[in-house]
Amino acid sequence: MLHTGLFELHAVAAISAHRSFRAAATELGISPSALSHAVAALEKRLGVRLIHRTTRSVSLSEAGERFLARVGPALREIAGAIEDVNEFRDTPTGTLRINLKERAAHQILRPVVGKFLRRYPDMNVELVLEGRHIDIVAEGFDAGIRLAEAVPQDMVSIPCGPASRFIVVGAPDYFARNPLPRSPSDLLSHACIRRRMPGGKLYRWEFEKRGEEITVDVPGRLTLDHDALMVEAALEGLGLAFVSDFWVAKYLATGALQAALDDWTPPFPGLRLYYPRHRHMTAGLRAFIDLLQEESKAERKDALISTAGKKRKQLAAKTLAAGT
């Protein structure tokens, strides 16, 4: 009778999810060499190669694909059974894996992830930054975070931040040398910092005003694929950048950057945390979502208080002006 350990089955599943021995070993908490030995031992006992390994890639063989298709559901059932028992604990335990873009990681790391780890000492969190869109189920993630428009329709989606908007920004010294654009078409005579998308295409800047939508293939000598670099280039006066308000809020507040075409860049739904509709939700993910909603509620309350304060100041200023 052939005896195969549960760990070896998890090893094959992890390698399939990550397409990398190093990343799979990190998830399993062992060294890449130990993982390689475990898989080699399993292949020897089965008498079949499950993993194709080259210096550049790792993939399942046809036998490996068929093997994982059979054992994968069983592994998920076992994980679900363990998670059911976990719900009887006072606090959740385990590892929560979330796939997201860099902006989302910056937005949730301190207010949400930090508080989550302090509140639940038996939980681990792994944030994996990814520019491209992936199948979070196939690649072994509990959840993903993306802009609302990028969330797959078959997923449960939960807001995890305020509305967002893209803003055209430039440094004061740039605008000292160039006129402020009044309409999107004016950008054709400006130096713009172009954006290379994860798929390789150049992004055409998108604008909207009172139902009119315009896209502009902006000119520019500098092309980047990272928001923070675009902001840095704009601060250096190298051209206009078109980036999320998240990246430039502090620079707009200090005057280091100035906004343009403000009336052409309306807000849109912001970040959403999403997870599979039909998968059993782990206690760790449920606790994370509860905390996320708790923080979002606190942010909305703070925003209302701030708005009310501004209105009171404006009213006081008007009253004072009327009195004089």
Protein backbone atom coordinates (compact mmCIF):
# COMPACT_ATOMS: atom_id res chain seq x y z
CA MET A 1 0.00 0.00 0.00
CA LEU A 2 1.33 3.43 -0.95
CA HIS A 3 1.54 5.88 1.97
CA THR A 4 1.53 9.58 1.03
CA GLY A 5 1.65 12.28 3.68
CA LEU A 6 -0.72 15.21 3.81
CA PHE A 7 2.24 17.58 3.78
CA GLU A 8 3.38 16.29 0.39
CA LEU A 9 -0.08 16.93 -1.06
CA HIS A 10 0.00 20.48 0.28
CA ALA A 11 3.47 20.86 -1.25
CA VAL A 12 2.17 20.04 -4.73
CA ALA A 13 -0.78 22.41 -4.28
CA ALA A 14 1.47 25.24 -3.10
CA ILE A 15 3.88 24.79 -6.01
CA SER A 16 0.96 24.82 -8.44
CA ALA A 17 -0.42 28.02 -6.89
CA HIS A 18 2.89 29.92 -6.85
CA ARG A 19 4.69 28.41 -9.86
CA SER A 20 7.77 28.81 -7.70
CA PHE A 21 9.55 26.48 -5.26
CA ARG A 22 10.86 29.44 -3.26
CA ALA A 23 7.43 31.07 -2.84
CA ALA A 24 5.76 27.72 -2.06
CA ALA A 25 8.44 26.94 0.52
CA THR A 26 7.89 30.31 2.16
CA GLU A 27 4.15 29.60 2.43
CA LEU A 28 4.80 26.18 3.95
CA GLY A 29 7.49 27.46 6.31
CA ILE A 30 10.33 25.23 5.06
CA SER A 31 13.42 25.69 2.90
CA PRO A 32 13.22 25.33 -0.90
CA SER A 33 15.61 22.37 -0.75
CA ALA A 34 13.41 20.58 1.80
CA LEU A 35 10.39 21.19 -0.42
CA SER A 36 12.24 19.88 -3.46
CA HIS A 37 13.22 16.71 -1.57
CA ALA A 38 9.62 16.16 -0.42
CA VAL A 39 8.24 16.44 -3.96
CA ALA A 40 11.03 14.26 -5.37
CA ALA A 41 10.24 11.59 -2.75
CA LEU A 42 6.55 11.70 -3.68
CA GLU A 43 7.33 11.43 -7.39
CA LYS A 44 9.62 8.48 -6.72
CA ARG A 45 6.94 6.62 -4.75
CA LEU A 46 4.31 7.35 -7.40
CA GLY A 47 6.68 6.57 -10.25
CA VAL A 48 5.42 9.65 -12.14
CA ARG A 49 6.80 13.16 -12.62
CA LEU A 50 4.35 15.69 -11.20
CA ILE A 51 6.39 18.90 -11.56
CA HIS A 52 8.29 20.20 -14.58
CA ARG A 53 11.27 22.23 -13.36
CA THR A 54 13.61 24.36 -15.45
CA THR A 55 15.90 27.25 -14.54
CA ARG A 56 13.19 29.67 -15.69
CA SER A 57 9.84 28.07 -14.88
CA VAL A 58 7.94 25.63 -12.71
CA SER A 59 4.72 23.97 -13.81
CA LEU A 60 2.65 20.84 -13.24
CA SER A 61 2.96 17.98 -15.67
CA GLU A 62 -0.19 16.51 -17.19
CA ALA A 63 -0.07 13.83 -14.48
CA GLY A 64 0.43 16.53 -11.86
CA GLU A 65 -2.57 18.49 -13.13
CA ARG A 66 -4.77 15.40 -12.97
CA PHE A 67 -3.40 14.44 -9.56
CA LEU A 68 -4.08 17.90 -8.10
CA ALA A 69 -7.56 17.99 -9.64
CA ARG A 70 -8.39 14.90 -7.57
CA VAL A 71 -6.68 15.77 -4.29
CA GLY A 72 -7.37 19.55 -4.39
CA PRO A 73 -11.05 19.28 -3.29
CA ALA A 74 -10.04 16.91 -0.50
CA LEU A 75 -7.41 19.36 0.74
CA ARG A 76 -10.00 22.14 0.77
CA GLU A 77 -12.41 19.92 2.70
CA ILE A 78 -9.71 19.20 5.28
CA ALA A 79 -8.89 22.90 5.55
CA GLY A 80 -12.60 23.64 5.97
CA ALA A 81 -12.90 21.04 8.73
CA ILE A 82 -9.93 22.58 10.55
CA GLU A 83 -11.45 26.02 10.11
CA ASP A 84 -14.78 24.80 11.55
CA VAL A 85 -12.94 23.72 14.68
CA ASN A 86 -11.05 27.01 14.67
CA GLU A 87 -14.36 28.86 15.08
CA PHE A 88 -14.67 27.39 18.59
CA ARG A 89 -11.49 29.22 19.65
CA ASP A 90 -11.66 32.55 21.42
CA THR A 91 -9.61 34.14 18.64
CA PRO A 92 -8.90 33.02 15.04
CA THR A 93 -5.63 31.42 14.06
CA GLY A 94 -3.85 30.75 10.78
CA THR A 95 -2.57 32.76 7.82
CA LEU A 96 -4.58 35.26 5.81
CA ARG A 97 -3.25 35.74 2.25
CA ILE A 98 -4.40 38.84 0.36
CA ASN A 99 -3.50 39.84 -3.19
CA LEU A 100 -3.49 43.58 -3.92
CA LYS A 101 -1.80 46.49 -5.66
CA GLU A 102 0.76 48.73 -3.99
CA ARG A 103 -1.63 51.65 -3.44
CA ALA A 104 -4.04 49.35 -1.58
CA ALA A 105 -1.22 47.95 0.56
CA HIS A 106 -0.17 51.45 1.63
CA GLN A 107 -3.78 52.37 2.35
CA ILE A 108 -4.61 49.44 4.62
CA LEU A 109 -1.25 48.48 6.17
CA ARG A 110 -1.16 50.84 9.16
CA PRO A 111 -4.85 51.42 9.97
CA VAL A 112 -6.11 47.89 9.32
CA VAL A 113 -3.37 45.24 9.10
CA GLY A 114 -1.40 46.63 12.03
CA LYS A 115 -4.49 46.73 14.25
CA PHE A 116 -5.54 43.25 13.05
CA LEU A 117 -2.20 41.69 14.05
CA ARG A 118 -2.31 43.35 17.46
CA ARG A 119 -5.90 42.28 18.06
CA TYR A 120 -5.40 38.67 16.88
CA PRO A 121 -1.93 37.47 18.00
CA ASP A 122 -2.46 33.96 16.58
CA MET A 123 -3.04 35.25 13.03
CA ASN A 124 -0.45 35.81 10.32
CA VAL A 125 -1.02 38.10 7.33
CA GLU A 126 0.68 37.84 3.94
CA LEU A 127 0.17 40.71 1.51
CA VAL A 128 1.27 39.90 -2.05
CA LEU A 129 1.56 42.92 -4.35
CA GLU A 130 0.52 42.26 -7.92
CA GLY A 131 -0.05 44.75 -10.73
CA ARG A 132 -1.78 42.27 -13.03
CA HIS A 133 -5.21 40.82 -12.40
CA ILE A 134 -5.12 37.21 -11.21
CA ASP A 135 -7.48 34.42 -10.22
CA ILE A 136 -7.23 34.57 -6.42
CA VAL A 137 -8.82 31.14 -6.03
CA ALA A 138 -6.43 29.39 -8.41
CA GLU A 139 -3.41 31.09 -6.84
CA GLY A 140 -4.32 30.30 -3.25
CA PHE A 141 -5.43 33.67 -1.84
CA ASP A 142 -8.17 34.19 0.72
CA ALA A 143 -9.10 37.57 -0.71
CA GLY A 144 -8.03 40.33 -3.06
CA ILE A 145 -8.22 44.12 -3.01
CA ARG A 146 -8.77 46.09 -6.22
CA LEU A 147 -10.66 49.12 -7.47
CA ALA A 148 -14.38 48.38 -7.67
CA GLU A 149 -14.35 48.31 -11.48
CA ALA A 150 -11.69 45.57 -11.51
CA VAL A 151 -13.44 43.14 -9.13
CA PRO A 152 -14.75 40.00 -10.91
CA GLN A 153 -18.54 39.89 -11.00
CA ASP A 154 -18.80 36.49 -9.35
CA MET A 155 -17.07 37.70 -6.18
CA VAL A 156 -18.46 39.14 -2.95
CA SER A 157 -17.23 42.75 -2.79
CA ILE A 158 -16.88 44.95 0.30
CA PRO A 159 -15.85 48.65 0.31
CA CYS A 160 -12.53 49.23 2.07
CA GLY A 161 -11.92 52.91 1.57
CA PRO A 162 -13.42 56.19 0.40
CA ALA A 163 -14.24 57.14 -3.18
CA SER A 164 -11.18 57.81 -5.30
CA ARG A 165 -10.23 59.99 -8.26
CA PHE A 166 -7.34 60.48 -10.62
CA ILE A 167 -5.80 63.95 -10.73
CA VAL A 168 -3.59 65.75 -13.22
CA VAL A 169 -0.77 67.33 -11.21
CA GLY A 170 2.35 69.34 -11.91
CA ALA A 171 5.00 71.22 -9.94
CA PRO A 172 4.70 75.02 -9.51
CA ASP A 173 7.89 75.56 -11.51
CA TYR A 174 6.43 73.51 -14.38
CA PHE A 175 3.34 75.72 -14.45
CA ALA A 176 5.57 78.78 -14.25
CA ARG A 177 6.97 77.68 -17.63
CA ASN A 178 3.76 76.27 -19.14
CA PRO A 179 0.12 77.42 -19.16
CA LEU A 180 -2.43 75.60 -17.01
CA PRO A 181 -4.44 73.19 -19.21
CA ARG A 182 -8.10 74.19 -19.37
CA SER A 183 -9.42 71.17 -21.25
CA PRO A 184 -8.10 67.63 -21.87
CA SER A 185 -7.13 68.54 -25.45
CA ASP A 186 -4.68 71.12 -24.05
CA LEU A 187 -2.58 68.22 -22.78
CA LEU A 188 -1.43 67.57 -26.33
CA SER A 189 0.86 70.60 -26.04
CA HIS A 190 2.25 69.60 -22.63
CA ALA A 191 5.04 67.30 -21.44
CA CYS A 192 3.22 64.39 -19.81
CA ILE A 193 4.54 61.45 -17.81
CA ARG A 194 3.12 58.46 -19.64
CA ARG A 195 1.92 55.30 -17.90
CA ARG A 196 2.85 51.79 -19.00
CA MET A 197 0.13 49.33 -17.91
CA PRO A 198 0.94 45.85 -16.49
CA GLY A 199 -0.12 44.26 -19.78
CA GLY A 200 2.32 46.43 -21.73
CA LYS A 201 -0.05 48.98 -23.27
CA LEU A 202 0.31 52.72 -22.81
CA TYR A 203 -2.55 54.19 -20.81
CA ARG A 204 -4.72 56.79 -22.53
CA TRP A 205 -5.74 59.40 -19.95
CA GLU A 206 -9.50 59.32 -19.30
CA PHE A 207 -11.67 62.31 -18.43
CA GLU A 208 -15.36 62.97 -17.86
CA LYS A 209 -17.45 66.10 -17.42
CA ARG A 210 -21.25 66.25 -17.31
CA GLY A 211 -21.58 62.99 -19.22
CA GLU A 212 -18.94 63.82 -21.84
CA GLU A 213 -16.10 61.30 -21.88
CA ILE A 214 -12.72 62.01 -23.47
CA THR A 215 -9.56 59.89 -23.74
CA VAL A 216 -6.23 61.47 -24.64
CA ASP A 217 -3.12 59.71 -25.90
CA VAL A 218 -0.85 62.20 -24.18
CA PRO A 219 2.63 63.05 -25.48
CA GLY A 220 5.70 62.72 -23.30
CA ARG A 221 9.35 61.74 -23.30
CA LEU A 222 9.17 59.91 -19.95
CA THR A 223 7.23 56.67 -19.51
CA LEU A 224 6.90 54.92 -16.12
CA ASP A 225 4.94 52.04 -14.65
CA HIS A 226 4.96 53.00 -10.97
CA ASP A 227 2.81 55.67 -9.31
CA ALA A 228 5.38 56.76 -6.73
CA LEU A 229 7.93 57.34 -9.51
CA MET A 230 5.40 59.36 -11.50
CA VAL A 231 4.81 61.58 -8.48
CA GLU A 232 8.55 61.98 -7.96
CA ALA A 233 9.00 62.95 -11.62
CA ALA A 234 6.18 65.50 -11.33
CA LEU A 235 7.79 66.98 -8.21
CA GLU A 236 11.00 67.38 -10.22
CA GLY A 237 9.09 69.40 -12.81
CA LEU A 238 9.59 66.80 -15.55
CA GLY A 239 5.97 66.98 -16.67
CA LEU A 240 2.35 66.42 -15.73
CA ALA A 241 1.35 63.19 -13.99
CA PHE A 242 -2.09 61.57 -13.88
CA VAL A 243 -2.28 59.62 -10.63
CA SER A 244 -4.63 58.63 -7.81
CA ASP A 245 -5.40 61.31 -5.23
CA PHE A 246 -4.01 58.90 -2.63
CA TRP A 247 -0.46 59.43 -3.90
CA VAL A 248 -0.56 63.23 -4.08
CA ALA A 249 -2.84 64.44 -1.27
CA LYS A 250 0.01 65.58 0.98
CA TYR A 251 1.82 67.36 -1.87
CA LEU A 252 -1.33 69.21 -2.88
CA ALA A 253 -1.83 70.26 0.74
CA THR A 254 1.68 71.71 0.99
CA GLY A 255 1.66 73.28 -2.46
CA ALA A 256 4.51 71.10 -3.75
CA LEU A 257 2.12 70.03 -6.53
CA GLN A 258 -0.80 71.81 -8.17
CA ALA A 259 -3.87 70.17 -9.67
CA ALA A 260 -5.26 70.83 -13.13
CA LEU A 261 -8.47 69.87 -14.96
CA ASP A 262 -10.16 69.35 -11.60
CA ASP A 263 -13.65 69.57 -13.13
CA TRP A 264 -12.76 66.81 -15.61
CA THR A 265 -11.81 64.21 -12.96
CA PRO A 266 -14.89 63.23 -10.94
CA PRO A 267 -14.66 60.70 -8.09
CA PHE A 268 -15.42 57.02 -8.64
CA PRO A 269 -15.92 54.02 -6.32
CA GLY A 270 -12.69 53.23 -4.49
CA LEU A 271 -11.07 50.05 -3.28
CA ARG A 272 -13.00 46.85 -2.60
CA LEU A 273 -11.98 43.72 -0.75
CA TYR A 274 -13.36 40.67 -2.56
CA TYR A 275 -13.52 36.92 -1.99
CA PRO A 276 -15.19 33.88 -3.61
CA ARG A 277 -18.94 33.78 -3.18
CA HIS A 278 -19.23 30.03 -2.66
CA ARG A 279 -16.09 29.36 -0.62
CA HIS A 280 -16.32 28.84 3.12
CA MET A 281 -15.18 32.05 4.82
CA THR A 282 -12.43 31.44 7.36
CA ALA A 283 -12.64 32.93 10.84
CA GLY A 284 -9.53 34.99 10.07
CA LEU A 285 -11.06 36.55 6.95
CA ARG A 286 -14.32 37.23 8.78
CA ALA A 287 -12.40 39.00 11.57
CA PHE A 288 -10.44 41.02 9.00
CA ILE A 289 -13.62 42.11 7.23
CA ASP A 290 -15.23 43.10 10.55
CA LEU A 291 -12.21 45.27 11.35
CA LEU A 292 -12.19 46.74 7.84
CA GLN A 293 -15.83 47.77 8.16
CA GLU A 294 -15.15 49.13 11.63
CA GLU A 295 -12.37 51.34 10.26
CA SER A 296 -14.48 52.44 7.28
CA LYS A 297 -17.28 53.48 9.63
CA ALA A 298 -14.81 55.49 11.74
CA GLU A 299 -13.44 57.17 8.57
CA ARG A 300 -16.94 58.18 7.46
CA LYS A 301 -17.67 59.61 10.91
CA ASP A 302 -14.42 61.61 10.88
CA ALA A 303 -15.23 62.88 7.37
CA LEU A 304 -18.67 64.06 8.49
CA ILE A 305 -17.18 65.83 11.51
CA SER A 306 -14.55 67.47 9.30
CA THR A 307 -17.17 68.59 6.77
CA ALA A 308 -19.38 70.00 9.53
CA GLY A 309 -16.38 71.87 10.95
CA LYS A 310 -15.59 73.42 7.58
CA LYS A 311 -19.19 74.50 7.10
CA ARG A 312 -19.21 76.15 10.55
CA LYS A 313 -16.02 78.05 9.71
CA GLN A 314 -17.45 79.17 6.37
CA LEU A 315 -20.66 80.31 8.06
CA ALA A 316 -18.69 82.19 10.71
CA ALA A 317 -16.59 83.88 8.03
CA LYS A 318 -19.72 84.95 6.14
CA THR A 319 -21.32 86.24 9.32
CA LEU A 320 -18.20 88.23 10.19
CA ALA A 321 -18.01 89.66 6.66
CA ALA A 322 -21.68 90.66 6.80
CA GLY A 323 -21.12 92.38 10.13
CA THR A 324 -18.28 94.48 8.76
